[in-house]
N, C-alpha and C. Protein backbone atom coordinates (compact mmCIF):
# COMPACT_ATOMS: atom_id res chain seq x y z
N MET A 1 0.82 -1.25 0.09
CA MET A 1 0.01 0.08 0.02
C MET A 1 0.89 1.24 -0.03
N THR A 2 2.12 1.19 0.53
CA THR A 2 2.91 2.35 0.58
C THR A 2 3.62 2.45 -0.80
N LYS A 3 3.70 1.50 -1.69
CA LYS A 3 4.45 1.59 -2.95
C LYS A 3 3.51 2.17 -3.98
N LYS A 4 3.98 2.90 -4.92
CA LYS A 4 3.27 3.30 -6.09
C LYS A 4 3.12 2.02 -7.04
N THR A 5 1.95 1.93 -7.67
CA THR A 5 1.72 0.83 -8.53
C THR A 5 2.42 1.04 -9.86
N VAL A 6 2.88 0.02 -10.44
CA VAL A 6 3.69 0.13 -11.76
C VAL A 6 2.86 -0.67 -12.78
N THR A 7 2.47 -0.02 -13.94
CA THR A 7 1.78 -0.63 -15.00
C THR A 7 2.83 -1.47 -15.96
N GLU A 8 2.57 -2.66 -16.24
CA GLU A 8 3.37 -3.31 -17.22
C GLU A 8 3.35 -2.71 -18.50
N GLN A 9 4.38 -2.52 -19.20
CA GLN A 9 4.50 -1.67 -20.39
C GLN A 9 4.49 -2.69 -21.63
N TYR A 10 3.74 -3.73 -21.54
CA TYR A 10 3.59 -4.84 -22.67
C TYR A 10 2.89 -4.06 -23.74
N PRO A 11 3.11 -4.19 -24.89
CA PRO A 11 4.06 -4.96 -25.81
C PRO A 11 5.38 -4.31 -26.01
N ASP A 12 5.53 -3.13 -25.43
CA ASP A 12 6.85 -2.50 -25.71
C ASP A 12 7.92 -3.17 -24.82
N VAL A 13 7.71 -3.65 -23.63
CA VAL A 13 8.62 -4.39 -22.82
C VAL A 13 8.09 -5.75 -22.75
N GLN A 14 8.83 -6.73 -23.08
CA GLN A 14 8.40 -8.19 -22.94
C GLN A 14 8.55 -8.62 -21.46
N PRO A 15 7.47 -9.32 -21.04
CA PRO A 15 7.51 -9.78 -19.60
C PRO A 15 8.57 -10.88 -19.32
N GLU A 16 9.04 -10.84 -18.12
CA GLU A 16 9.91 -11.95 -17.69
C GLU A 16 9.14 -13.17 -17.24
N LEU A 17 9.27 -14.22 -18.10
CA LEU A 17 8.52 -15.36 -17.86
C LEU A 17 9.23 -16.34 -17.10
N PRO A 18 8.60 -17.05 -16.14
CA PRO A 18 9.31 -18.08 -15.41
C PRO A 18 9.76 -19.08 -16.36
N PRO A 19 10.91 -19.93 -15.86
CA PRO A 19 11.23 -20.97 -16.77
C PRO A 19 10.25 -22.12 -16.86
N ARG A 20 10.17 -22.69 -18.06
CA ARG A 20 9.27 -23.87 -18.39
C ARG A 20 7.79 -23.37 -18.48
N THR A 21 7.54 -22.02 -18.82
CA THR A 21 6.22 -21.58 -18.94
C THR A 21 5.43 -22.24 -19.95
N ARG A 22 4.21 -22.45 -19.70
CA ARG A 22 3.26 -23.11 -20.65
C ARG A 22 2.68 -22.05 -21.51
N GLY A 23 2.95 -22.09 -22.80
CA GLY A 23 2.40 -21.19 -23.66
C GLY A 23 1.50 -21.99 -24.79
N VAL A 24 2.21 -22.45 -25.76
CA VAL A 24 1.39 -23.33 -26.82
C VAL A 24 2.21 -24.58 -26.96
N ILE A 25 1.62 -25.57 -27.65
CA ILE A 25 2.28 -26.83 -27.89
C ILE A 25 2.98 -26.80 -29.20
N GLY A 26 4.28 -27.28 -29.14
CA GLY A 26 5.08 -27.45 -30.23
C GLY A 26 5.17 -28.87 -30.62
N LEU A 27 5.38 -29.07 -31.93
CA LEU A 27 5.44 -30.44 -32.39
C LEU A 27 6.84 -30.85 -33.08
N PHE A 28 7.43 -31.87 -32.43
CA PHE A 28 8.64 -32.41 -32.99
C PHE A 28 8.26 -33.56 -33.98
N GLU A 29 7.98 -33.23 -35.28
CA GLU A 29 7.38 -34.01 -36.14
C GLU A 29 8.17 -35.40 -36.51
N GLU A 30 9.40 -35.25 -36.34
CA GLU A 30 10.15 -36.57 -36.50
C GLU A 30 10.01 -37.62 -35.55
N ASN A 31 9.51 -37.21 -34.36
CA ASN A 31 9.28 -38.23 -33.28
C ASN A 31 7.88 -38.71 -33.32
N CYS A 32 7.00 -38.23 -34.13
CA CYS A 32 5.53 -38.54 -34.12
C CYS A 32 5.32 -39.73 -34.96
N THR A 33 4.86 -40.85 -34.42
CA THR A 33 4.55 -42.04 -35.03
C THR A 33 3.11 -42.23 -35.39
N VAL A 34 2.34 -41.12 -35.22
CA VAL A 34 0.88 -41.12 -35.51
C VAL A 34 0.22 -42.33 -34.69
N CYS A 35 0.40 -42.45 -33.49
CA CYS A 35 -0.20 -43.36 -32.53
C CYS A 35 -1.59 -42.92 -32.16
N MET A 36 -1.72 -41.67 -32.26
CA MET A 36 -3.15 -41.08 -31.93
C MET A 36 -3.53 -40.93 -30.54
N LEU A 37 -2.39 -41.25 -29.60
CA LEU A 37 -2.76 -41.20 -28.17
C LEU A 37 -3.06 -39.86 -27.77
N CYS A 38 -2.50 -38.71 -28.17
CA CYS A 38 -2.73 -37.39 -27.88
C CYS A 38 -4.15 -37.14 -28.21
N ALA A 39 -4.60 -37.39 -29.45
CA ALA A 39 -5.89 -37.01 -29.89
C ALA A 39 -7.00 -37.87 -29.03
N ARG A 40 -6.67 -39.10 -28.75
CA ARG A 40 -7.67 -39.88 -27.95
C ARG A 40 -7.81 -39.40 -26.52
N GLU A 41 -6.66 -38.94 -25.94
CA GLU A 41 -6.74 -38.60 -24.44
C GLU A 41 -7.13 -37.15 -24.34
N CYS A 42 -7.17 -36.35 -25.35
CA CYS A 42 -7.55 -34.88 -25.23
C CYS A 42 -9.03 -34.79 -24.79
N PRO A 43 -9.20 -34.16 -23.47
CA PRO A 43 -10.60 -33.95 -23.14
C PRO A 43 -11.42 -33.11 -23.95
N ASP A 44 -10.81 -32.25 -24.69
CA ASP A 44 -11.50 -31.20 -25.58
C ASP A 44 -11.64 -31.64 -26.96
N TRP A 45 -10.98 -32.73 -27.39
CA TRP A 45 -10.99 -33.23 -28.75
C TRP A 45 -10.55 -32.15 -29.66
N CYS A 46 -9.55 -31.42 -29.35
CA CYS A 46 -9.03 -30.38 -30.17
C CYS A 46 -7.86 -30.66 -31.07
N ILE A 47 -7.41 -31.88 -31.08
CA ILE A 47 -6.27 -32.33 -31.90
C ILE A 47 -6.77 -33.17 -33.08
N TYR A 48 -6.31 -32.71 -34.22
CA TYR A 48 -6.75 -33.33 -35.43
C TYR A 48 -5.58 -33.99 -36.16
N ILE A 49 -5.74 -35.28 -36.31
CA ILE A 49 -4.53 -35.96 -37.12
C ILE A 49 -5.08 -36.78 -38.11
N ASP A 50 -4.48 -36.63 -39.32
CA ASP A 50 -4.74 -37.57 -40.46
C ASP A 50 -3.37 -38.20 -40.96
N SER A 51 -3.56 -39.34 -41.35
CA SER A 51 -2.29 -40.20 -41.83
C SER A 51 -2.68 -41.12 -42.89
N HIS A 52 -1.70 -41.68 -43.44
CA HIS A 52 -1.83 -42.86 -44.32
C HIS A 52 -0.75 -43.85 -44.14
N LYS A 53 -1.00 -44.99 -44.70
CA LYS A 53 0.07 -46.05 -44.50
C LYS A 53 0.94 -46.26 -45.73
N GLU A 54 2.21 -46.39 -45.52
CA GLU A 54 3.10 -46.69 -46.59
C GLU A 54 3.81 -47.97 -46.39
N THR A 55 4.01 -48.67 -47.41
CA THR A 55 4.73 -50.03 -47.36
C THR A 55 6.23 -49.70 -47.62
N ILE A 56 6.95 -50.42 -46.75
CA ILE A 56 8.43 -50.29 -46.86
C ILE A 56 8.91 -51.64 -47.40
N PRO A 57 9.69 -51.69 -48.32
CA PRO A 57 10.22 -52.88 -48.88
C PRO A 57 11.02 -53.77 -47.85
N ALA A 58 11.19 -54.98 -48.01
CA ALA A 58 11.90 -55.85 -47.20
C ALA A 58 13.38 -55.42 -47.02
N ALA A 59 14.04 -55.41 -45.85
CA ALA A 59 15.29 -55.04 -45.81
C ALA A 59 16.28 -56.14 -46.28
N THR A 60 16.00 -57.28 -46.25
CA THR A 60 16.74 -58.41 -46.68
C THR A 60 16.01 -59.17 -47.67
N PRO A 61 16.66 -59.88 -48.70
CA PRO A 61 15.96 -60.72 -49.60
C PRO A 61 15.25 -61.87 -48.80
N GLY A 62 14.00 -62.04 -49.25
CA GLY A 62 13.11 -63.03 -48.61
C GLY A 62 12.43 -62.50 -47.27
N GLY A 63 12.72 -61.30 -47.00
CA GLY A 63 12.23 -60.80 -45.74
C GLY A 63 10.76 -60.32 -46.00
N ARG A 64 10.13 -59.77 -45.00
CA ARG A 64 8.78 -59.39 -45.09
C ARG A 64 8.59 -57.81 -45.19
N GLU A 65 7.57 -57.48 -46.00
CA GLU A 65 7.48 -56.02 -46.17
C GLU A 65 6.80 -55.41 -44.84
N ARG A 66 7.12 -54.21 -44.70
CA ARG A 66 6.67 -53.50 -43.41
C ARG A 66 5.79 -52.41 -43.88
N SER A 67 4.81 -51.95 -43.00
CA SER A 67 4.04 -50.85 -43.22
C SER A 67 4.33 -49.80 -42.01
N ARG A 68 4.16 -48.60 -42.33
CA ARG A 68 4.22 -47.45 -41.36
C ARG A 68 3.28 -46.44 -41.62
N ASN A 69 2.99 -45.75 -40.44
CA ASN A 69 2.07 -44.63 -40.74
C ASN A 69 2.84 -43.39 -41.00
N VAL A 70 2.27 -42.52 -41.95
CA VAL A 70 2.86 -41.26 -42.30
C VAL A 70 2.01 -40.07 -42.00
N LEU A 71 2.41 -39.14 -41.34
CA LEU A 71 1.68 -38.16 -40.86
C LEU A 71 1.34 -37.16 -42.01
N ASP A 72 -0.06 -36.97 -42.26
CA ASP A 72 -0.49 -36.06 -43.32
C ASP A 72 -0.91 -34.73 -42.76
N ARG A 73 -1.64 -34.70 -41.63
CA ARG A 73 -2.10 -33.46 -40.91
C ARG A 73 -2.05 -33.64 -39.45
N PHE A 74 -1.46 -32.65 -38.81
CA PHE A 74 -1.41 -32.58 -37.39
C PHE A 74 -1.88 -31.10 -37.05
N ALA A 75 -3.04 -30.87 -36.38
CA ALA A 75 -3.49 -29.61 -36.13
C ALA A 75 -4.02 -29.51 -34.64
N ILE A 76 -3.88 -28.45 -34.16
CA ILE A 76 -4.53 -28.26 -32.73
C ILE A 76 -5.34 -26.86 -32.93
N ASP A 77 -6.67 -27.00 -32.38
CA ASP A 77 -7.52 -25.98 -32.32
C ASP A 77 -7.32 -25.20 -30.98
N PHE A 78 -6.59 -24.07 -30.85
CA PHE A 78 -6.34 -23.50 -29.58
C PHE A 78 -7.58 -22.80 -29.08
N SER A 79 -8.56 -22.52 -29.93
CA SER A 79 -9.84 -21.93 -29.53
C SER A 79 -10.57 -22.98 -28.55
N LEU A 80 -10.36 -24.32 -28.65
CA LEU A 80 -10.92 -25.25 -27.85
C LEU A 80 -10.04 -25.76 -26.77
N CYS A 81 -8.77 -25.68 -26.91
CA CYS A 81 -7.79 -26.24 -26.00
C CYS A 81 -7.90 -25.53 -24.70
N MET A 82 -7.82 -26.36 -23.66
CA MET A 82 -7.77 -25.81 -22.26
C MET A 82 -6.41 -25.83 -21.60
N TYR A 83 -5.46 -26.23 -22.35
CA TYR A 83 -3.98 -26.09 -21.94
C TYR A 83 -3.75 -27.00 -20.73
N CYS A 84 -4.35 -28.20 -20.73
CA CYS A 84 -4.20 -29.06 -19.57
C CYS A 84 -2.95 -29.84 -19.69
N GLY A 85 -2.37 -30.07 -20.80
CA GLY A 85 -1.11 -30.62 -20.98
C GLY A 85 -1.09 -32.15 -21.05
N ILE A 86 -2.33 -32.74 -21.13
CA ILE A 86 -2.49 -34.25 -21.09
C ILE A 86 -1.79 -34.76 -22.47
N CYS A 87 -1.94 -34.06 -23.50
CA CYS A 87 -1.35 -34.63 -24.64
C CYS A 87 0.15 -34.67 -24.59
N VAL A 88 0.75 -33.69 -23.93
CA VAL A 88 2.21 -33.68 -23.86
C VAL A 88 2.68 -34.80 -22.98
N GLU A 89 1.91 -35.10 -21.95
CA GLU A 89 2.19 -36.05 -20.92
C GLU A 89 2.04 -37.54 -21.52
N VAL A 90 1.05 -37.81 -22.36
CA VAL A 90 0.79 -39.24 -22.66
C VAL A 90 1.64 -39.47 -24.00
N CYS A 91 2.18 -38.59 -24.66
CA CYS A 91 3.01 -38.71 -25.83
C CYS A 91 4.18 -39.70 -25.50
N PRO A 92 4.19 -40.99 -26.09
CA PRO A 92 5.21 -41.91 -25.63
C PRO A 92 6.52 -41.72 -26.39
N PHE A 93 6.50 -40.90 -27.40
CA PHE A 93 7.75 -40.68 -28.19
C PHE A 93 8.28 -39.17 -28.13
N ASP A 94 7.87 -38.47 -27.27
CA ASP A 94 8.33 -37.15 -27.02
C ASP A 94 8.29 -36.26 -28.24
N ALA A 95 7.01 -36.19 -28.90
CA ALA A 95 6.79 -35.46 -29.99
C ALA A 95 6.12 -34.21 -29.72
N LEU A 96 5.54 -33.95 -28.57
CA LEU A 96 4.86 -32.72 -28.13
C LEU A 96 5.52 -32.18 -26.95
N PHE A 97 5.69 -30.74 -27.01
CA PHE A 97 6.42 -30.05 -25.93
C PHE A 97 5.66 -28.90 -25.66
N TRP A 98 5.85 -28.24 -24.51
CA TRP A 98 5.40 -26.88 -24.17
C TRP A 98 6.34 -25.86 -24.57
N SER A 99 5.84 -24.96 -25.33
CA SER A 99 6.64 -23.69 -25.82
C SER A 99 6.24 -22.50 -24.95
N PRO A 100 7.09 -21.66 -24.68
CA PRO A 100 6.62 -20.55 -23.81
C PRO A 100 6.08 -19.40 -24.73
N GLU A 101 5.98 -19.63 -26.01
CA GLU A 101 5.32 -18.69 -26.85
C GLU A 101 3.91 -18.46 -26.55
N PHE A 102 3.58 -17.08 -26.38
CA PHE A 102 2.28 -16.78 -25.87
C PHE A 102 1.65 -15.73 -26.80
N GLU A 103 2.29 -15.27 -27.76
CA GLU A 103 1.69 -14.19 -28.59
C GLU A 103 1.26 -14.94 -30.05
N TYR A 104 -0.05 -15.44 -29.94
CA TYR A 104 -0.40 -16.05 -31.06
C TYR A 104 -1.87 -15.78 -31.29
N ALA A 105 -2.34 -14.56 -30.80
CA ALA A 105 -3.71 -14.08 -30.98
C ALA A 105 -4.06 -13.84 -32.52
N GLU A 106 -5.22 -14.15 -32.78
CA GLU A 106 -5.95 -14.07 -34.10
C GLU A 106 -7.18 -13.20 -34.04
N THR A 107 -7.43 -12.43 -35.15
CA THR A 107 -8.61 -11.55 -35.19
C THR A 107 -9.92 -12.44 -35.41
N ASP A 108 -9.69 -13.68 -36.13
CA ASP A 108 -10.79 -14.53 -36.46
C ASP A 108 -10.64 -15.85 -35.56
N ILE A 109 -11.63 -16.34 -34.95
CA ILE A 109 -11.50 -17.53 -34.15
C ILE A 109 -11.22 -18.71 -34.96
N ARG A 110 -11.52 -18.77 -36.16
CA ARG A 110 -11.30 -19.90 -37.13
C ARG A 110 -9.69 -20.05 -37.43
N ASP A 111 -9.08 -18.92 -37.14
CA ASP A 111 -7.60 -18.94 -37.43
C ASP A 111 -6.81 -19.49 -36.29
N LEU A 112 -7.49 -19.95 -35.26
CA LEU A 112 -6.74 -20.43 -34.04
C LEU A 112 -6.43 -22.01 -34.22
N THR A 113 -6.85 -22.56 -35.29
CA THR A 113 -6.46 -23.82 -35.60
C THR A 113 -5.14 -23.83 -36.22
N HIS A 114 -4.17 -24.27 -35.67
CA HIS A 114 -2.78 -24.11 -36.14
C HIS A 114 -2.29 -25.44 -36.70
N GLU A 115 -1.90 -25.52 -37.95
CA GLU A 115 -1.47 -26.74 -38.51
C GLU A 115 0.10 -26.99 -38.17
N ARG A 116 0.52 -28.17 -38.70
CA ARG A 116 1.89 -28.69 -38.14
C ARG A 116 2.95 -27.77 -38.51
N ASP A 117 2.90 -27.01 -39.53
CA ASP A 117 3.97 -26.06 -40.00
C ASP A 117 4.18 -25.01 -38.87
N LYS A 118 3.06 -24.48 -38.33
CA LYS A 118 3.20 -23.55 -37.21
C LYS A 118 3.50 -24.24 -36.01
N LEU A 119 3.05 -25.51 -35.67
CA LEU A 119 3.38 -26.13 -34.43
C LEU A 119 5.01 -26.56 -34.55
N ARG A 120 5.38 -26.84 -35.65
CA ARG A 120 6.93 -27.16 -35.80
C ARG A 120 7.87 -25.91 -35.62
N ALA A 121 7.28 -24.81 -36.10
CA ALA A 121 8.10 -23.58 -35.98
C ALA A 121 8.03 -23.15 -34.43
N TRP A 122 7.09 -23.55 -33.64
CA TRP A 122 7.10 -23.32 -32.14
C TRP A 122 8.08 -24.23 -31.41
N MET A 123 8.33 -25.29 -32.01
CA MET A 123 9.21 -26.37 -31.48
C MET A 123 10.57 -25.63 -31.20
N TRP A 124 11.09 -24.83 -31.86
CA TRP A 124 12.40 -24.30 -31.75
C TRP A 124 12.36 -23.13 -30.63
N THR A 125 11.27 -22.83 -30.08
CA THR A 125 11.23 -22.02 -28.88
C THR A 125 11.29 -22.67 -27.63
N VAL A 126 11.13 -24.02 -27.59
CA VAL A 126 11.14 -24.83 -26.43
C VAL A 126 12.51 -24.79 -25.76
N PRO A 127 12.51 -24.43 -24.50
CA PRO A 127 13.81 -24.37 -23.79
C PRO A 127 14.41 -25.73 -23.55
N ALA A 128 15.72 -25.86 -23.41
CA ALA A 128 16.29 -27.10 -23.14
C ALA A 128 15.89 -27.49 -21.76
N PRO A 129 15.87 -28.88 -21.49
CA PRO A 129 15.40 -29.43 -20.14
C PRO A 129 16.33 -29.00 -19.18
N PRO A 130 15.98 -28.88 -17.90
CA PRO A 130 16.91 -28.51 -16.92
C PRO A 130 17.99 -29.55 -16.69
N ALA A 131 19.24 -29.07 -16.31
CA ALA A 131 20.42 -30.04 -16.09
C ALA A 131 20.05 -31.08 -15.01
N LEU A 132 20.68 -32.19 -15.17
CA LEU A 132 20.50 -33.26 -14.32
C LEU A 132 21.22 -32.85 -12.96
N ASP A 133 20.79 -33.52 -11.84
CA ASP A 133 21.47 -33.25 -10.53
C ASP A 133 22.81 -33.89 -10.57
N ALA A 134 23.75 -33.24 -10.38
CA ALA A 134 25.28 -33.58 -10.34
C ALA A 134 25.44 -34.69 -9.39
N GLY A 135 24.78 -34.73 -8.33
CA GLY A 135 25.00 -35.67 -7.20
C GLY A 135 24.19 -37.04 -7.47
N ALA A 136 23.27 -36.99 -8.50
CA ALA A 136 22.54 -38.17 -8.70
C ALA A 136 23.44 -39.32 -9.27
N GLU A 137 23.09 -40.56 -8.99
CA GLU A 137 23.87 -41.66 -9.58
C GLU A 137 23.40 -42.00 -11.14
N GLU A 138 24.22 -42.44 -11.85
CA GLU A 138 23.95 -42.62 -13.20
C GLU A 138 22.91 -43.75 -13.49
N ALA A 139 22.05 -43.51 -14.51
CA ALA A 139 21.04 -44.53 -14.80
C ALA A 139 21.69 -45.80 -15.08
N LYS A 140 21.03 -46.95 -14.73
CA LYS A 140 21.52 -48.32 -14.96
C LYS A 140 21.79 -48.46 -16.54
N GLU A 141 20.95 -48.03 -17.35
CA GLU A 141 21.04 -48.24 -18.74
C GLU A 141 22.26 -47.41 -19.24
N LEU A 142 22.37 -46.23 -18.82
CA LEU A 142 23.54 -45.42 -19.27
C LEU A 142 24.80 -46.03 -18.93
N ALA A 143 24.82 -46.45 -17.65
CA ALA A 143 26.06 -47.16 -17.08
C ALA A 143 26.51 -48.37 -17.94
N ALA A 144 25.56 -49.15 -18.19
CA ALA A 144 25.77 -50.47 -18.98
C ALA A 144 26.17 -50.02 -20.39
N ALA A 145 25.66 -49.19 -20.99
CA ALA A 145 25.98 -48.68 -22.37
C ALA A 145 27.32 -48.04 -22.43
N ARG A 146 27.74 -47.32 -21.35
CA ARG A 146 29.04 -46.74 -21.30
C ARG A 146 30.13 -47.80 -21.07
N ARG A 147 29.83 -48.85 -20.27
CA ARG A 147 30.77 -49.93 -20.11
C ARG A 147 30.97 -50.69 -21.25
N SER A 148 30.00 -51.02 -21.97
CA SER A 148 29.95 -51.82 -23.19
C SER A 148 30.73 -50.93 -24.26
N ALA A 149 30.63 -49.65 -24.35
CA ALA A 149 31.27 -48.82 -25.27
C ALA A 149 32.77 -48.83 -24.93
N GLU A 150 33.16 -48.61 -23.66
CA GLU A 150 34.58 -48.77 -23.26
C GLU A 150 35.22 -50.03 -23.58
N LYS A 151 34.46 -51.07 -23.23
CA LYS A 151 35.07 -52.42 -23.67
C LYS A 151 35.34 -52.59 -25.17
N LEU A 152 34.31 -52.15 -25.93
CA LEU A 152 34.50 -52.20 -27.28
C LEU A 152 35.70 -51.37 -27.90
N ALA A 153 35.84 -50.11 -27.27
CA ALA A 153 36.94 -49.29 -27.62
C ALA A 153 38.26 -49.99 -27.28
N ALA A 154 38.36 -50.63 -26.18
CA ALA A 154 39.60 -51.27 -25.73
C ALA A 154 39.86 -52.52 -26.62
N GLN A 155 38.87 -53.19 -27.00
CA GLN A 155 39.08 -54.32 -27.91
C GLN A 155 39.60 -53.79 -29.37
N GLN A 156 38.95 -52.71 -29.83
CA GLN A 156 39.41 -52.15 -31.06
C GLN A 156 40.91 -51.67 -30.92
N ALA A 157 41.20 -50.94 -29.85
CA ALA A 157 42.58 -50.50 -29.74
C ALA A 157 43.56 -51.61 -29.73
N ALA A 158 43.28 -52.72 -28.99
CA ALA A 158 44.05 -53.84 -28.95
C ALA A 158 44.15 -54.56 -30.34
N ALA A 159 43.11 -54.59 -31.08
CA ALA A 159 43.23 -55.15 -32.47
C ALA A 159 44.15 -54.33 -33.38
N GLN A 160 44.19 -53.05 -33.26
CA GLN A 160 44.91 -52.22 -34.08
C GLN A 160 46.35 -52.20 -33.66
N ASP A 161 46.75 -52.50 -32.46
CA ASP A 161 48.10 -52.71 -31.99
C ASP A 161 48.66 -53.93 -32.68
N GLY A 162 47.81 -54.95 -32.94
CA GLY A 162 48.34 -56.16 -33.48
C GLY A 162 49.11 -57.07 -32.49
N PRO A 163 49.62 -58.17 -32.96
CA PRO A 163 50.31 -59.13 -32.20
C PRO A 163 51.60 -58.26 -31.78
N ALA A 164 52.02 -58.49 -30.56
CA ALA A 164 53.26 -57.80 -30.06
C ALA A 164 54.59 -58.48 -30.85
N ALA A 165 55.46 -57.62 -31.20
CA ALA A 165 56.59 -58.20 -31.83
C ALA A 165 57.53 -58.89 -30.91
N PRO A 166 58.23 -60.06 -31.21
CA PRO A 166 59.13 -60.65 -30.29
C PRO A 166 60.23 -59.76 -29.76
N ARG A 167 60.47 -59.92 -28.45
CA ARG A 167 61.62 -59.13 -27.88
C ARG A 167 62.92 -59.92 -28.13
N GLU A 168 63.88 -59.21 -28.01
CA GLU A 168 65.20 -59.78 -28.39
C GLU A 168 65.67 -60.90 -27.47
N GLY A 169 65.27 -60.92 -26.20
CA GLY A 169 65.64 -61.87 -25.29
C GLY A 169 64.76 -63.23 -25.44
N ASP A 170 63.64 -63.05 -26.09
CA ASP A 170 62.69 -64.15 -26.33
C ASP A 170 63.20 -65.05 -27.45
N ALA A 171 63.36 -66.33 -27.32
CA ALA A 171 63.54 -67.06 -28.45
C ALA A 171 63.22 -68.45 -28.15
């Protein structure tokens, strides 16, 4: 009560946002397998996904052909979205992330349905995850992978050295 109030000077001065602020949802398209979990779990049904199947030829002769889903359309209607984050949480392949971008207002409500190009562009505004705790113990999977990589490197170094040349005193 004793301080004078200060008006935020937005849009001239950008606000200081807390780290990991929830703004919009960014799409990392390379990780999307079109599993449709995000669309099924969305309580507002604001995620629209279209895809088609492609056949991949067999990798080896006599092998079996495979099929995979290819993403045709991924859109989120932000006029319906309630920003609950369920889609980000249920994505098993880390294809959806929270972006701190908050300036995406439109003059027409129909323009708030953003397609995958716009969602992909927001992906690059997603901050890096926080650093791991330095005192935490290494994950078992990472430790096993590191040990096997070190063992392989030692084997390769030993193979490059080749058999040891006989010494003068050995006969």
